[in-house]
Amino acid sequence: MKRIETSVVIQMPIDEVFAYVIEPENMPEWAPGFVEARSTSDGPIRVGSTSSRVTNFGGRDSNSEHEVIEFESNARMAVRSNMGPMEIKEIFEVRAEDGGTHVTIAEEVTTPLLLRPAEWIFGAMASKNIHKYGPALKDRLEKSN
């Protein structure tokens, strides 16, 4: 398993930051590479909620389905998806820090044994994007506040 993460402190209340980050429809506004994202289940976000996303990865659009597998309001959400034979777990965590909100965004990629030698390629591509998420999220939220 390969884990990639980034973090940032946003000068806004934790509940506002968490509410924004967990809504799939907001992802294209702050997550480079996301073309479209939408909820595909009814009601508030919770374990079992689903979403659909279109990402541009390596110059190619790709559709994926996601399911919330962990949820603790104003603290943590984890979402699982599959990209071909790889399983991807996205983790969004928030905590109070310095009068604002510390946000950590992580991806854990699990590949089948036969593909492990190529895991570094996906990791390098994902790392390039994920390290843009924190600054883009901070910019988006603090400018709108």
Protein backbone atom coordinates (compact mmCIF):
# COMPACT_ATOMS: atom_id res chain seq x y z
CA MET A 1 0.00 0.00 0.00
CA LYS A 2 1.22 3.47 -0.87
CA ARG A 3 0.05 6.49 1.13
CA ILE A 4 0.25 10.06 -0.14
CA GLU A 5 -0.94 13.02 1.91
CA THR A 6 -1.01 16.77 2.15
CA SER A 7 -2.22 19.14 4.84
CA VAL A 8 -3.02 22.81 5.28
CA VAL A 9 -4.43 25.15 7.94
CA ILE A 10 -7.49 27.14 6.84
CA GLN A 11 -8.60 30.16 8.86
CA MET A 12 -12.26 29.14 9.09
CA PRO A 13 -14.39 27.20 11.59
CA ILE A 14 -14.03 23.43 11.50
CA ASP A 15 -17.72 22.77 10.78
CA GLU A 16 -17.69 25.03 7.70
CA VAL A 17 -14.50 23.50 6.33
CA PHE A 18 -15.69 19.93 6.90
CA ALA A 19 -19.10 20.60 5.34
CA TYR A 20 -17.43 22.02 2.22
CA VAL A 21 -14.80 19.29 1.85
CA ILE A 22 -17.19 16.33 2.12
CA GLU A 23 -19.63 17.52 -0.58
CA PRO A 24 -18.71 15.78 -3.85
CA GLU A 25 -20.07 18.64 -5.97
CA ASN A 26 -17.43 20.98 -4.49
CA MET A 27 -14.42 18.87 -5.51
CA PRO A 28 -13.89 20.34 -9.00
CA GLU A 29 -13.62 23.79 -7.36
CA TRP A 30 -10.53 22.85 -5.31
CA ALA A 31 -9.15 19.48 -6.45
CA PRO A 32 -7.09 19.73 -9.65
CA GLY A 33 -7.91 16.90 -12.03
CA PHE A 34 -11.57 16.62 -11.00
CA VAL A 35 -13.83 17.51 -13.91
CA GLU A 36 -17.17 16.63 -12.31
CA ALA A 37 -18.43 15.07 -9.07
CA ARG A 38 -21.93 14.42 -7.78
CA SER A 39 -23.73 12.55 -5.02
CA THR A 40 -25.60 9.47 -6.21
CA SER A 41 -27.38 8.73 -2.93
CA ASP A 42 -30.07 10.66 -1.09
CA GLY A 43 -29.80 12.41 2.24
CA PRO A 44 -26.83 13.71 4.20
CA ILE A 45 -23.34 12.25 3.80
CA ARG A 46 -22.90 9.14 5.97
CA VAL A 47 -21.38 5.66 5.83
CA GLY A 48 -22.80 4.04 2.70
CA SER A 49 -23.30 7.32 0.78
CA THR A 50 -22.17 7.11 -2.84
CA SER A 51 -20.88 9.51 -5.45
CA SER A 52 -19.75 9.52 -9.05
CA ARG A 53 -16.72 11.42 -10.34
CA VAL A 54 -15.04 12.26 -13.59
CA THR A 55 -11.32 12.88 -13.27
CA ASN A 56 -8.69 13.79 -15.81
CA PHE A 57 -5.68 11.68 -14.98
CA GLY A 58 -2.74 11.67 -17.33
CA GLY A 59 -4.68 13.61 -19.98
CA ARG A 60 -7.57 11.13 -20.07
CA ASP A 61 -11.04 11.41 -18.51
CA SER A 62 -12.03 8.54 -16.26
CA ASN A 63 -15.34 7.79 -14.50
CA SER A 64 -15.36 6.27 -11.03
CA GLU A 65 -17.84 5.36 -8.33
CA HIS A 66 -17.12 6.06 -4.65
CA GLU A 67 -18.57 4.92 -1.33
CA VAL A 68 -18.19 6.49 2.11
CA ILE A 69 -16.73 3.80 4.38
CA GLU A 70 -15.96 5.90 7.48
CA PHE A 71 -17.67 9.03 8.73
CA GLU A 72 -17.31 11.07 11.91
CA SER A 73 -18.93 14.50 11.63
CA ASN A 74 -16.50 17.42 11.78
CA ALA A 75 -13.56 15.02 12.12
CA ARG A 76 -13.07 12.38 9.42
CA MET A 77 -14.45 10.85 6.25
CA ALA A 78 -12.96 7.99 4.22
CA VAL A 79 -14.14 7.07 0.74
CA ARG A 80 -13.33 3.90 -1.22
CA SER A 81 -13.16 3.49 -4.98
CA ASN A 82 -11.54 1.24 -7.55
CA MET A 83 -9.42 2.24 -10.51
CA GLY A 84 -9.02 -0.91 -12.54
CA PRO A 85 -7.42 -3.48 -10.26
CA MET A 86 -6.33 -0.85 -7.70
CA GLU A 87 -8.32 0.08 -4.60
CA ILE A 88 -8.09 3.72 -3.56
CA LYS A 89 -9.04 5.04 -0.14
CA GLU A 90 -9.33 8.82 0.18
CA ILE A 91 -9.21 10.21 3.69
CA PHE A 92 -10.30 13.70 4.74
CA GLU A 93 -9.50 14.69 8.34
CA VAL A 94 -10.02 17.99 10.14
CA ARG A 95 -9.07 19.27 13.59
CA ALA A 96 -8.93 22.65 15.28
CA GLU A 97 -5.54 24.37 15.13
CA ASP A 98 -4.34 27.94 15.71
CA GLY A 99 -7.84 29.43 15.58
CA GLY A 100 -8.56 27.68 12.27
CA THR A 101 -8.89 24.19 10.86
CA HIS A 102 -6.06 21.79 10.08
CA VAL A 103 -7.07 19.69 7.06
CA THR A 104 -5.30 16.48 6.02
CA ILE A 105 -6.13 14.89 2.70
CA ALA A 106 -4.64 11.45 2.03
CA GLU A 107 -4.86 8.69 -0.55
CA GLU A 108 -3.99 5.09 0.18
CA VAL A 109 -3.51 2.97 -2.91
CA THR A 110 -3.56 -0.82 -2.73
CA THR A 111 -2.49 -2.77 -5.80
CA PRO A 112 -2.60 -6.50 -6.48
CA LEU A 113 0.68 -8.31 -5.89
CA LEU A 114 1.43 -8.61 -9.61
CA LEU A 115 1.16 -4.84 -10.08
CA ARG A 116 3.22 -3.80 -7.05
CA PRO A 117 6.33 -3.05 -9.15
CA ALA A 118 4.30 -0.41 -11.04
CA GLU A 119 2.76 1.08 -7.87
CA TRP A 120 5.36 3.85 -7.82
CA ILE A 121 4.14 5.13 -11.22
CA PHE A 122 0.60 5.68 -9.94
CA GLY A 123 2.00 7.09 -6.69
CA ALA A 124 4.10 9.65 -8.54
CA MET A 125 1.15 10.76 -10.68
CA ALA A 126 -1.22 10.96 -7.70
CA SER A 127 1.36 12.78 -5.58
CA LYS A 128 1.68 15.49 -8.21
CA ASN A 129 -2.06 16.24 -7.91
CA ILE A 130 -2.66 15.71 -4.20
CA HIS A 131 -0.02 18.24 -3.18
CA LYS A 132 -2.03 20.89 -5.05
CA TYR A 133 -5.22 20.11 -3.08
CA GLY A 134 -4.29 21.82 0.20
CA PRO A 135 -3.26 25.19 -1.25
CA ALA A 136 -6.21 25.18 -3.68
CA LEU A 137 -8.67 24.35 -0.89
CA LYS A 138 -7.22 27.06 1.36
CA ASP A 139 -7.37 29.63 -1.43
CA ARG A 140 -10.96 28.71 -2.34
CA LEU A 141 -12.32 28.79 1.20
CA GLU A 142 -10.47 31.80 2.56
CA LYS A 143 -11.30 33.92 -0.48
CA SER A 144 -14.99 33.08 -0.22
CA ASN A 145 -15.07 33.86 3.51
